[in-house]
Structure formats: C-alpha cells, structure tokens
Amino acid sequence: MKDSENIIVKPTFEFALAIIAYCEELESNKKFVVSNQLLKSGTSIGANVREAQNAESKNDFIHKFKIAAKEVEETIYWLELCKQSPNYPDCSTLIYQIETIQKLLIR
C-alpha cells in the first residue's frame, strides 16, 4: 500500500503541513514559545507513524504508535491553549483533524 493510500500516514502528513502553516502564523504574531512546542509535537505524530511503517518487529511497531499517541495528546493540549487564549488565530480545523487522527490511532 502506498503512503498516500494509508489510512493513518496520509492524514498525519496532511496534519503536519497544516501545523507548519499555523505555526508560521503564530510566529508572525510573535507567539514563539507555543509555536515551537506545537510544531514539535504536531509534526512528530506523522514522523512516528511513518517510522512505524518500517518497524523491525511487532513490538517496535506498537512502540512507535504509542509515541505517536502521546504526541497527539500533547498537541491537543497546545491547541486547546491556543483556542482558549485571546489574540490567537483560530485553530478549530486543526482540533477537528487531530481528533480524527486520535480516533485512528486508538482503534
């Protein structure tokens, strides 16, 4: 199966691209600390999912997915902070995307 057809690889890659764009917007508004944290956790999800595709064993695969699930939780935290903080750009689309990814990871 190609990565572009993979049920979890494609959405996590697309989410990472959306996170990059949102973090660029945060940085333009001088929200550097949150931008840095969100960029790291939000892009790490797809990186771990992609790495799991070439896992050395079933346990390695599971481990990579557990790391991705932890990164999802951290990313949700940062997005909730953005949502509740005044003067932060709208992140409702990102929250919807991450909730969808979370459902795929914990199936």
PDB file of N, CA and C in Angstrom:
ATOM      1  N   MET A   1       0.843  -1.175   0.000  1.00  0.00           N
ATOM      2  CA  MET A   1       0.000   0.000   0.000  1.00  0.00           C
ATOM      3  C   MET A   1       0.889   1.240   0.000  1.00  0.00           C
ATOM      4  N   LYS A   2       0.579   2.167  -0.855  1.00  0.00           N
ATOM      5  CA  LYS A   2       1.319   3.421  -0.918  1.00  0.00           C
ATOM      6  C   LYS A   2       0.987   4.279   0.295  1.00  0.00           C
ATOM      7  N   ASP A   3       1.965   5.104   0.720  1.00  0.00           N
ATOM      8  CA  ASP A   3       1.726   6.001   1.846  1.00  0.00           C
ATOM      9  C   ASP A   3       0.530   6.913   1.598  1.00  0.00           C
ATOM     10  N   SER A   4       0.330   7.328   0.339  1.00  0.00           N
ATOM     11  CA  SER A   4      -0.776   8.227   0.018  1.00  0.00           C
ATOM     12  C   SER A   4      -2.134   7.549   0.183  1.00  0.00           C
ATOM     13  N   GLU A   5      -2.146   6.205   0.254  1.00  0.00           N
ATOM     14  CA  GLU A   5      -3.388   5.459   0.427  1.00  0.00           C
ATOM     15  C   GLU A   5      -3.545   4.939   1.859  1.00  0.00           C
ATOM     16  N   ASN A   6      -2.510   5.086   2.671  1.00  0.00           N
ATOM     17  CA  ASN A   6      -2.513   4.553   4.022  1.00  0.00           C
ATOM     18  C   ASN A   6      -3.475   5.359   4.899  1.00  0.00           C
ATOM     19  N   ILE A   7      -4.291   4.663   5.651  1.00  0.00           N
ATOM     20  CA  ILE A   7      -5.356   5.294   6.428  1.00  0.00           C
ATOM     21  C   ILE A   7      -4.828   6.238   7.510  1.00  0.00           C
ATOM     22  N   ILE A   8      -3.587   6.073   7.964  1.00  0.00           N
ATOM     23  CA  ILE A   8      -3.047   6.933   9.010  1.00  0.00           C
ATOM     24  C   ILE A   8      -1.871   7.781   8.529  1.00  0.00           C
ATOM     25  N   VAL A   9      -1.104   7.294   7.571  1.00  0.00           N
ATOM     26  CA  VAL A   9       0.056   8.048   7.091  1.00  0.00           C
ATOM     27  C   VAL A   9      -0.382   9.338   6.404  1.00  0.00           C
ATOM     28  N   LYS A  10      -1.347   9.242   5.526  1.00  0.00           N
ATOM     29  CA  LYS A  10      -1.785  10.422   4.773  1.00  0.00           C
ATOM     30  C   LYS A  10      -2.351  11.517   5.684  1.00  0.00           C
ATOM     31  N   PRO A  11      -3.297  11.206   6.579  1.00  0.00           N
ATOM     32  CA  PRO A  11      -3.834  12.283   7.420  1.00  0.00           C
ATOM     33  C   PRO A  11      -2.810  12.889   8.381  1.00  0.00           C
ATOM     34  N   THR A  12      -1.860  12.090   8.858  1.00  0.00           N
ATOM     35  CA  THR A  12      -0.856  12.661   9.757  1.00  0.00           C
ATOM     36  C   THR A  12       0.117  13.556   8.995  1.00  0.00           C
ATOM     37  N   PHE A  13       0.398  13.215   7.737  1.00  0.00           N
ATOM     38  CA  PHE A  13       1.251  14.061   6.908  1.00  0.00           C
ATOM     39  C   PHE A  13       0.541  15.384   6.600  1.00  0.00           C
ATOM     40  N   GLU A  14      -0.725  15.292   6.217  1.00  0.00           N
ATOM     41  CA  GLU A  14      -1.504  16.494   5.925  1.00  0.00           C
ATOM     42  C   GLU A  14      -1.653  17.371   7.172  1.00  0.00           C
ATOM     43  N   PHE A  15      -1.816  16.728   8.326  1.00  0.00           N
ATOM     44  CA  PHE A  15      -1.903  17.475   9.578  1.00  0.00           C
ATOM     45  C   PHE A  15      -0.592  18.202   9.864  1.00  0.00           C
ATOM     46  N   ALA A  16       0.526  17.537   9.627  1.00  0.00           N
ATOM     47  CA  ALA A  16       1.833  18.168   9.845  1.00  0.00           C
ATOM     48  C   ALA A  16       1.980  19.413   8.972  1.00  0.00           C
ATOM     49  N   LEU A  17       1.538  19.334   7.735  1.00  0.00           N
ATOM     50  CA  LEU A  17       1.594  20.504   6.855  1.00  0.00           C
ATOM     51  C   LEU A  17       0.720  21.640   7.394  1.00  0.00           C
ATOM     52  N   ALA A  18      -0.450  21.294   7.898  1.00  0.00           N
ATOM     53  CA  ALA A  18      -1.350  22.310   8.455  1.00  0.00           C
ATOM     54  C   ALA A  18      -0.764  22.921   9.731  1.00  0.00           C
ATOM     55  N   ILE A  19      -0.106  22.102  10.538  1.00  0.00           N
ATOM     56  CA  ILE A  19       0.549  22.591  11.764  1.00  0.00           C
ATOM     57  C   ILE A  19       1.674  23.561  11.394  1.00  0.00           C
ATOM     58  N   ILE A  20       2.447  23.218  10.384  1.00  0.00           N
ATOM     59  CA  ILE A  20       3.529  24.110   9.952  1.00  0.00           C
ATOM     60  C   ILE A  20       2.959  25.475   9.558  1.00  0.00           C
ATOM     61  N   ALA A  21       1.898  25.477   8.782  1.00  0.00           N
ATOM     62  CA  ALA A  21       1.280  26.735   8.355  1.00  0.00           C
ATOM     63  C   ALA A  21       0.751  27.522   9.556  1.00  0.00           C
ATOM     64  N   TYR A  22       0.105  26.835  10.494  1.00  0.00           N
ATOM     65  CA  TYR A  22      -0.438  27.508  11.683  1.00  0.00           C
ATOM     66  C   TYR A  22       0.698  28.078  12.533  1.00  0.00           C
ATOM     67  N   CYS A  23       1.757  27.324  12.688  1.00  0.00           N
ATOM     68  CA  CYS A  23       2.895  27.789  13.495  1.00  0.00           C
ATOM     69  C   CYS A  23       3.587  28.982  12.838  1.00  0.00           C
ATOM     70  N   GLU A  24       3.621  29.007  11.525  1.00  0.00           N
ATOM     71  CA  GLU A  24       4.157  30.183  10.838  1.00  0.00           C
ATOM     72  C   GLU A  24       3.307  31.417  11.143  1.00  0.00           C
ATOM     73  N   GLU A  25       1.997  31.205  11.203  1.00  0.00           N
ATOM     74  CA  GLU A  25       1.100  32.303  11.562  1.00  0.00           C
ATOM     75  C   GLU A  25       1.337  32.740  13.010  1.00  0.00           C
ATOM     76  N   LEU A  26       1.517  31.776  13.905  1.00  0.00           N
ATOM     77  CA  LEU A  26       1.815  32.106  15.302  1.00  0.00           C
ATOM     78  C   LEU A  26       3.104  32.919  15.401  1.00  0.00           C
ATOM     79  N   GLU A  27       4.112  32.483  14.678  1.00  0.00           N
ATOM     80  CA  GLU A  27       5.399  33.177  14.726  1.00  0.00           C
ATOM     81  C   GLU A  27       5.290  34.602  14.183  1.00  0.00           C
ATOM     82  N   SER A  28       4.478  34.787  13.168  1.00  0.00           N
ATOM     83  CA  SER A  28       4.296  36.142  12.635  1.00  0.00           C
ATOM     84  C   SER A  28       3.610  37.046  13.658  1.00  0.00           C
ATOM     85  N   ASN A  29       2.896  36.425  14.601  1.00  0.00           N
ATOM     86  CA  ASN A  29       2.252  37.162  15.690  1.00  0.00           C
ATOM     87  C   ASN A  29       3.081  37.134  16.971  1.00  0.00           C
ATOM     88  N   LYS A  30       4.334  36.707  16.846  1.00  0.00           N
ATOM     89  CA  LYS A  30       5.291  36.672  17.954  1.00  0.00           C
ATOM     90  C   LYS A  30       4.865  35.733  19.094  1.00  0.00           C
ATOM     91  N   LYS A  31       4.226  34.647  18.749  1.00  0.00           N
ATOM     92  CA  LYS A  31       3.831  33.624  19.718  1.00  0.00           C
ATOM     93  C   LYS A  31       4.834  32.468  19.620  1.00  0.00           C
ATOM     94  N   PHE A  32       6.096  32.776  19.860  1.00  0.00           N
ATOM     95  CA  PHE A  32       7.193  31.852  19.579  1.00  0.00           C
ATOM     96  C   PHE A  32       7.200  30.592  20.450  1.00  0.00           C
ATOM     97  N   VAL A  33       6.949  30.733  21.738  1.00  0.00           N
ATOM     98  CA  VAL A  33       7.041  29.579  22.642  1.00  0.00           C
ATOM     99  C   VAL A  33       5.999  28.523  22.288  1.00  0.00           C
ATOM    100  N   VAL A  34       4.759  28.940  22.154  1.00  0.00           N
ATOM    101  CA  VAL A  34       3.691  27.996  21.811  1.00  0.00           C
ATOM    102  C   VAL A  34       3.919  27.431  20.413  1.00  0.00           C
ATOM    103  N   SER A  35       4.336  28.277  19.492  1.00  0.00           N
ATOM    104  CA  SER A  35       4.604  27.824  18.133  1.00  0.00           C
ATOM    105  C   SER A  35       5.650  26.717  18.116  1.00  0.00           C
ATOM    106  N   ASN A  36       6.722  26.901  18.846  1.00  0.00           N
ATOM    107  CA  ASN A  36       7.800  25.916  18.892  1.00  0.00           C
ATOM    108  C   ASN A  36       7.314  24.579  19.457  1.00  0.00           C
ATOM    109  N   GLN A  37       6.586  24.634  20.553  1.00  0.00           N
ATOM    110  CA  GLN A  37       6.091  23.402  21.186  1.00  0.00           C
ATOM    111  C   GLN A  37       5.096  22.682  20.277  1.00  0.00           C
ATOM    112  N   LEU A  38       4.181  23.444  19.693  1.00  0.00           N
ATOM    113  CA  LEU A  38       3.161  22.872  18.819  1.00  0.00           C
ATOM    114  C   LEU A  38       3.777  22.286  17.555  1.00  0.00           C
ATOM    115  N   LEU A  39       4.760  22.970  17.005  1.00  0.00           N
ATOM    116  CA  LEU A  39       5.432  22.472  15.808  1.00  0.00           C
ATOM    117  C   LEU A  39       6.110  21.134  16.082  1.00  0.00           C
ATOM    118  N   LYS A  40       6.777  21.021  17.210  1.00  0.00           N
ATOM    119  CA  LYS A  40       7.475  19.776  17.554  1.00  0.00           C
ATOM    120  C   LYS A  40       6.502  18.614  17.750  1.00  0.00           C
ATOM    121  N   SER A  41       5.482  18.825  18.572  1.00  0.00           N
ATOM    122  CA  SER A  41       4.561  17.718  18.854  1.00  0.00           C
ATOM    123  C   SER A  41       3.681  17.395  17.647  1.00  0.00           C
ATOM    124  N   GLY A  42       3.230  18.420  16.949  1.00  0.00           N
ATOM    125  CA  GLY A  42       2.316  18.206  15.825  1.00  0.00           C
ATOM    126  C   GLY A  42       2.946  17.502  14.636  1.00  0.00           C
ATOM    127  N   THR A  43       4.221  17.764  14.390  1.00  0.00           N
ATOM    128  CA  THR A  43       4.900  17.089  13.274  1.00  0.00           C
ATOM    129  C   THR A  43       5.463  15.733  13.686  1.00  0.00           C
ATOM    130  N   SER A  44       5.675  15.548  14.970  1.00  0.00           N
ATOM    131  CA  SER A  44       6.211  14.277  15.463  1.00  0.00           C
ATOM    132  C   SER A  44       5.229  13.121  15.281  1.00  0.00           C
ATOM    133  N   ILE A  45       3.950  13.432  15.279  1.00  0.00           N
ATOM    134  CA  ILE A  45       2.930  12.385  15.119  1.00  0.00           C
ATOM    135  C   ILE A  45       3.156  11.636  13.815  1.00  0.00           C
ATOM    136  N   GLY A  46       3.186  12.372  12.719  1.00  0.00           N
ATOM    137  CA  GLY A  46       3.378  11.756  11.410  1.00  0.00           C
ATOM    138  C   GLY A  46       4.734  11.100  11.258  1.00  0.00           C
ATOM    139  N   ALA A  47       5.757  11.697  11.874  1.00  0.00           N
ATOM    140  CA  ALA A  47       7.095  11.108  11.794  1.00  0.00           C
ATOM    141  C   ALA A  47       7.122   9.732  12.452  1.00  0.00           C
ATOM    142  N   ASN A  48       6.477   9.598  13.593  1.00  0.00           N
ATOM    143  CA  ASN A  48       6.443   8.303  14.276  1.00  0.00           C
ATOM    144  C   ASN A  48       5.572   7.289  13.550  1.00  0.00           C
ATOM    145  N   VAL A  49       4.476   7.753  12.985  1.00  0.00           N
ATOM    146  CA  VAL A  49       3.616   6.859  12.196  1.00  0.00           C
ATOM    147  C   VAL A  49       4.379   6.363  10.974  1.00  0.00           C
ATOM    148  N   ARG A  50       5.080   7.261  10.312  1.00  0.00           N
ATOM    149  CA  ARG A  50       5.869   6.887   9.127  1.00  0.00           C
ATOM    150  C   ARG A  50       6.974   5.896   9.522  1.00  0.00           C
ATOM    151  N   GLU A  51       7.628   6.172  10.632  1.00  0.00           N
ATOM    152  CA  GLU A  51       8.694   5.279  11.101  1.00  0.00           C
ATOM    153  C   GLU A  51       8.139   3.894  11.427  1.00  0.00           C
ATOM    154  N   ALA A  52       6.930   3.838  11.951  1.00  0.00           N
ATOM    155  CA  ALA A  52       6.305   2.551  12.288  1.00  0.00           C
ATOM    156  C   ALA A  52       6.082   1.689  11.054  1.00  0.00           C
ATOM    157  N   GLN A  53       5.959   2.300   9.906  1.00  0.00           N
ATOM    158  CA  GLN A  53       5.718   1.551   8.673  1.00  0.00           C
ATOM    159  C   GLN A  53       6.888   0.625   8.337  1.00  0.00           C
ATOM    160  N   ASN A  54       8.064   0.926   8.873  1.00  0.00           N
ATOM    161  CA  ASN A  54       9.246   0.098   8.650  1.00  0.00           C
ATOM    162  C   ASN A  54       9.791  -0.469   9.959  1.00  0.00           C
ATOM    163  N   ALA A  55       8.887  -0.756  10.865  1.00  0.00           N
ATOM    164  CA  ALA A  55       9.286  -1.272  12.171  1.00  0.00           C
ATOM    165  C   ALA A  55      10.029  -2.599  12.033  1.00  0.00           C
ATOM    166  N   GLU A  56      10.924  -2.829  12.963  1.00  0.00           N
ATOM    167  CA  GLU A  56      11.728  -4.060  12.959  1.00  0.00           C
ATOM    168  C   GLU A  56      10.970  -5.253  13.523  1.00  0.00           C
ATOM    169  N   SER A  57       9.935  -4.979  14.298  1.00  0.00           N
ATOM    170  CA  SER A  57       9.149  -6.054  14.901  1.00  0.00           C
ATOM    171  C   SER A  57       7.759  -5.514  15.239  1.00  0.00           C
ATOM    172  N   LYS A  58       6.892  -6.420  15.642  1.00  0.00           N
ATOM    173  CA  LYS A  58       5.549  -6.012  16.049  1.00  0.00           C
ATOM    174  C   LYS A  58       5.634  -5.097  17.275  1.00  0.00           C
ATOM    175  N   ASN A  59       6.522  -5.430  18.206  1.00  0.00           N
ATOM    176  CA  ASN A  59       6.689  -4.590  19.397  1.00  0.00           C
ATOM    177  C   ASN A  59       7.204  -3.200  19.044  1.00  0.00           C
ATOM    178  N   ASP A  60       8.120  -3.120  18.083  1.00  0.00           N
ATOM    179  CA  ASP A  60       8.642  -1.835  17.631  1.00  0.00           C
ATOM    180  C   ASP A  60       7.526  -1.010  16.993  1.00  0.00           C
ATOM    181  N   PHE A  61       6.696  -1.665  16.185  1.00  0.00           N
ATOM    182  CA  PHE A  61       5.553  -1.007  15.553  1.00  0.00           C
ATOM    183  C   PHE A  61       4.624  -0.418  16.611  1.00  0.00           C
ATOM    184  N   ILE A  62       4.282  -1.225  17.596  1.00  0.00           N
ATOM    185  CA  ILE A  62       3.387  -0.780  18.671  1.00  0.00           C
ATOM    186  C   ILE A  62       4.013   0.380  19.433  1.00  0.00           C
ATOM    187  N   HIS A  63       5.301   0.281  19.705  1.00  0.00           N
ATOM    188  CA  HIS A  63       6.007   1.341  20.431  1.00  0.00           C
ATOM    189  C   HIS A  63       5.931   2.668  19.679  1.00  0.00           C
ATOM    190  N   LYS A  64       6.156   2.649  18.374  1.00  0.00           N
ATOM    191  CA  LYS A  64       6.099   3.876  17.566  1.00  0.00           C
ATOM    192  C   LYS A  64       4.690   4.475  17.587  1.00  0.00           C
ATOM    193  N   PHE A  65       3.685   3.620  17.532  1.00  0.00           N
ATOM    194  CA  PHE A  65       2.316   4.120  17.564  1.00  0.00           C
ATOM    195  C   PHE A  65       1.970   4.694  18.935  1.00  0.00           C
ATOM    196  N   LYS A  66       2.514   4.111  19.994  1.00  0.00           N
ATOM    197  CA  LYS A  66       2.280   4.660  21.335  1.00  0.00           C
ATOM    198  C   LYS A  66       2.930   6.034  21.470  1.00  0.00           C
ATOM    199  N   ILE A  67       4.100   6.197  20.901  1.00  0.00           N
ATOM    200  CA  ILE A  67       4.748   7.514  20.919  1.00  0.00           C
ATOM    201  C   ILE A  67       3.883   8.517  20.142  1.00  0.00           C
ATOM    202  N   ALA A  68       3.394   8.103  18.983  1.00  0.00           N
ATOM    203  CA  ALA A  68       2.525   8.981  18.190  1.00  0.00           C
ATOM    204  C   ALA A  68       1.280   9.371  18.991  1.00  0.00           C
ATOM    205  N   ALA A  69       0.703   8.415  19.723  1.00  0.00           N
ATOM    206  CA  ALA A  69      -0.487   8.705  20.537  1.00  0.00           C
ATOM    207  C   ALA A  69      -0.170   9.715  21.634  1.00  0.00           C
ATOM    208  N   LYS A  70       1.002   9.611  22.236  1.00  0.00           N
ATOM    209  CA  LYS A  70       1.417  10.591  23.255  1.00  0.00           C
ATOM    210  C   LYS A  70       1.576  11.975  22.636  1.00  0.00           C
ATOM    211  N   GLU A  71       2.140  12.015  21.444  1.00  0.00           N
ATOM    212  CA  GLU A  71       2.317  13.294  20.758  1.00  0.00           C
ATOM    213  C   GLU A  71       0.965  13.906  20.391  1.00  0.00           C
ATOM    214  N   VAL A  72      -0.017  13.064  20.093  1.00  0.00           N
ATOM    215  CA  VAL A  72      -1.372  13.551  19.833  1.00  0.00           C
ATOM    216  C   VAL A  72      -1.898  14.259  21.077  1.00  0.00           C
ATOM    217  N   GLU A  73      -1.729  13.634  22.235  1.00  0.00           N
ATOM    218  CA  GLU A  73      -2.209  14.242  23.483  1.00  0.00           C
ATOM    219  C   GLU A  73      -1.537  15.583  23.746  1.00  0.00           C
ATOM    220  N   GLU A  74      -0.227  15.647  23.538  1.00  0.00           N
ATOM    221  CA  GLU A  74       0.481  16.908  23.745  1.00  0.00           C
ATOM    222  C   GLU A  74      -0.008  17.973  22.757  1.00  0.00           C
ATOM    223  N   THR A  75      -0.200  17.579  21.523  1.00  0.00           N
ATOM    224  CA  THR A  75      -0.654  18.525  20.501  1.00  0.00           C
ATOM    225  C   THR A  75      -2.042  19.053  20.833  1.00  0.00           C
ATOM    226  N   ILE A  76      -2.918  18.182  21.295  1.00  0.00           N
ATOM    227  CA  ILE A  76      -4.254  18.620  21.711  1.00  0.00           C
ATOM    228  C   ILE A  76      -4.142  19.650  22.835  1.00  0.00           C
ATOM    229  N   TYR A  77      -3.248  19.424  23.768  1.00  0.00           N
ATOM    230  CA  TYR A  77      -3.031  20.361  24.865  1.00  0.00           C
ATOM    231  C   TYR A  77      -2.670  21.750  24.332  1.00  0.00           C
ATOM    232  N   TRP A  78      -1.679  21.805  23.435  1.00  0.00           N
ATOM    233  CA  TRP A  78      -1.239  23.091  22.889  1.00  0.00           C
ATOM    234  C   TRP A  78      -2.352  23.752  22.077  1.00  0.00           C
ATOM    235  N   LEU A  79      -3.098  22.964  21.322  1.00  0.00           N
ATOM    236  CA  LEU A  79      -4.196  23.535  20.534  1.00  0.00           C
ATOM    237  C   LEU A  79      -5.315  24.056  21.426  1.00  0.00           C
ATOM    238  N   GLU A  80      -5.586  23.365  22.529  1.00  0.00           N
ATOM    239  CA  GLU A  80      -6.600  23.850  23.460  1.00  0.00           C
ATOM    240  C   GLU A  80      -6.162  25.164  24.098  1.00  0.00           C
ATOM    241  N   LEU A  81      -4.870  25.285  24.399  1.00  0.00           N
ATOM    242  CA  LEU A  81      -4.352  26.550  24.914  1.00  0.00           C
ATOM    243  C   LEU A  81      -4.550  27.663  23.894  1.00  0.00           C
ATOM    244  N   CYS A  82      -4.242  27.360  22.639  1.00  0.00           N
ATOM    245  CA  CYS A  82      -4.424  28.356  21.573  1.00  0.00           C
ATOM    246  C   CYS A  82      -5.886  28.764  21.450  1.00  0.00           C
ATOM    247  N   LYS A  83      -6.758  27.779  21.519  1.00  0.00           N
ATOM    248  CA  LYS A  83      -8.194  28.040  21.389  1.00  0.00           C
ATOM    249  C   LYS A  83      -8.703  28.945  22.511  1.00  0.00           C
ATOM    250  N   GLN A  84      -8.200  28.723  23.720  1.00  0.00           N
ATOM    251  CA  GLN A  84      -8.680  29.471  24.882  1.00  0.00           C
ATOM    252  C   GLN A  84      -7.947  30.794  25.114  1.00  0.00           C
ATOM    253  N   SER A  85      -6.848  31.006  24.423  1.00  0.00           N
ATOM    254  CA  SER A  85      -6.052  32.217  24.635  1.00  0.00           C
ATOM    255  C   SER A  85      -6.531  33.349  23.730  1.00  0.00           C
ATOM    256  N   PRO A  86      -6.669  34.533  24.314  1.00  0.00           N
ATOM    257  CA  PRO A  86      -7.055  35.667  23.471  1.00  0.00           C
ATOM    258  C   PRO A  86      -5.938  36.009  22.489  1.00  0.00           C
ATOM    259  N   ASN A  87      -6.304  36.541  21.371  1.00  0.00           N
ATOM    260  CA  ASN A  87      -5.356  37.002  20.352  1.00  0.00           C
ATOM    261  C   ASN A  87      -4.588  35.878  19.656  1.00  0.00           C
ATOM    262  N   TYR A  88      -5.116  34.672  19.684  1.00  0.00           N
ATOM    263  CA  TYR A  88      -4.508  33.565  18.941  1.00  0.00           C
ATOM    264  C   TYR A  88      -5.399  33.252  17.745  1.00  0.00           C
ATOM    265  N   PRO A  89      -4.798  32.880  16.625  1.00  0.00           N
ATOM    266  CA  PRO A  89      -5.606  32.549  15.438  1.00  0.00           C
ATOM    267  C   PRO A  89      -6.488  31.323  15.680  1.00  0.00           C
ATOM    268  N   ASP A  90      -7.565  31.258  14.934  1.00  0.00           N
ATOM    269  CA  ASP A  90      -8.498  30.140  15.039  1.00  0.00           C
ATOM    270  C   ASP A  90      -7.801  28.827  14.706  1.00  0.00           C
ATOM    271  N   CYS A  91      -8.017  27.825  15.545  1.00  0.00           N
ATOM    272  CA  CYS A  91      -7.393  26.514  15.312  1.00  0.00           C
ATOM    273  C   CYS A  91      -8.434  25.397  15.306  1.00  0.00           C
ATOM    274  N   SER A  92      -9.698  25.737  15.089  1.00  0.00           N
ATOM    275  CA  SER A  92     -10.767  24.735  15.148  1.00  0.00           C
ATOM    276  C   SER A  92     -10.600  23.634  14.100  1.00  0.00           C
ATOM    277  N   THR A  93     -10.106  23.976  12.918  1.00  0.00           N
ATOM    278  CA  THR A  93      -9.882  22.956  11.890  1.00  0.00           C
ATOM    279  C   THR A  93      -8.795  21.985  12.336  1.00  0.00           C
ATOM    280  N   LEU A  94      -7.755  22.506  12.959  1.00  0.00           N
ATOM    281  CA  LEU A  94      -6.674  21.643  13.462  1.00  0.00           C
ATOM    282  C   LEU A  94      -7.182  20.726  14.571  1.00  0.00           C
ATOM    283  N   ILE A  95      -8.031  21.252  15.434  1.00  0.00           N
ATOM    284  CA  ILE A  95      -8.591  20.424  16.510  1.00  0.00           C
ATOM    285  C   ILE A  95      -9.432  19.299  15.924  1.00  0.00           C
ATOM    286  N   TYR A  96     -10.221  19.600  14.918  1.00  0.00           N
ATOM    287  CA  TYR A  96     -11.012  18.562  14.254  1.00  0.00           C
ATOM    288  C   TYR A  96     -10.090  17.494  13.648  1.00  0.00           C
ATOM    289  N   GLN A  97      -9.044  17.946  12.951  1.00  0.00           N
ATOM    290  CA  GLN A  97      -8.108  16.995  12.329  1.00  0.00           C
ATOM    291  C   GLN A  97      -7.429  16.102  13.366  1.00  0.00           C
ATOM    292  N   ILE A  98      -6.969  16.695  14.466  1.00  0.00           N
ATOM    293  CA  ILE A  98      -6.243  15.906  15.466  1.00  0.00           C
ATOM    294  C   ILE A  98      -7.176  14.935  16.179  1.00  0.00           C
ATOM    295  N   GLU A  99      -8.427  15.311  16.364  1.00  0.00           N
ATOM    296  CA  GLU A  99      -9.387  14.391  16.975  1.00  0.00           C
ATOM    297  C   GLU A  99      -9.652  13.198  16.060  1.00  0.00           C
ATOM    298  N   THR A 100      -9.686  13.436  14.759  1.00  0.00           N
ATOM    299  CA  THR A 100      -9.850  12.344  13.792  1.00  0.00           C
ATOM    300  C   THR A 100      -8.632  11.418  13.829  1.00  0.00           C
ATOM    301  N   ILE A 101      -7.454  11.996  13.861  1.00  0.00           N
ATOM    302  CA  ILE A 101      -6.220  11.202  13.938  1.00  0.00           C
ATOM    303  C   ILE A 101      -6.188  10.402  15.228  1.00  0.00           C
ATOM    304  N   GLN A 102      -6.603  11.019  16.319  1.00  0.00           N
ATOM    305  CA  GLN A 102      -6.629  10.329  17.613  1.00  0.00           C
ATOM    306  C   GLN A 102      -7.514   9.090  17.541  1.00  0.00           C
ATOM    307  N   LYS A 103      -8.659   9.194  16.899  1.00  0.00           N
ATOM    308  CA  LYS A 103      -9.565   8.046  16.763  1.00  0.00           C
ATOM    309  C   LYS A 103      -8.918   6.932  15.945  1.00  0.00           C
ATOM    310  N   LEU A 104      -8.164   7.296  14.920  1.00  0.00           N
ATOM    311  CA  LEU A 104      -7.485   6.288  14.094  1.00  0.00           C
ATOM    312  C   LEU A 104      -6.378   5.579  14.873  1.00  0.00           C
ATOM    313  N   LEU A 105      -5.678   6.323  15.713  1.00  0.00           N
ATOM    314  CA  LEU A 105      -4.561   5.740  16.462  1.00  0.00           C
ATOM    315  C   LEU A 105      -4.989   4.833  17.585  1.00  0.00           C
ATOM    316  N   ILE A 106      -6.154   5.086  18.181  1.00  0.00           N
ATOM    317  CA  ILE A 106      -6.557   4.288  19.339  1.00  0.00           C
ATOM    318  C   ILE A 106      -7.607   3.232  19.008  1.00  0.00           C
ATOM    319  N   ARG A 107      -7.818   2.967  17.748  1.00  0.00           N
ATOM    320  CA  ARG A 107      -8.774   1.943  17.304  1.00  0.00           C
ATOM    321  C   ARG A 107      -8.525   0.637  17.967  1.00  0.00           C
TER     322      ARG A 107
END
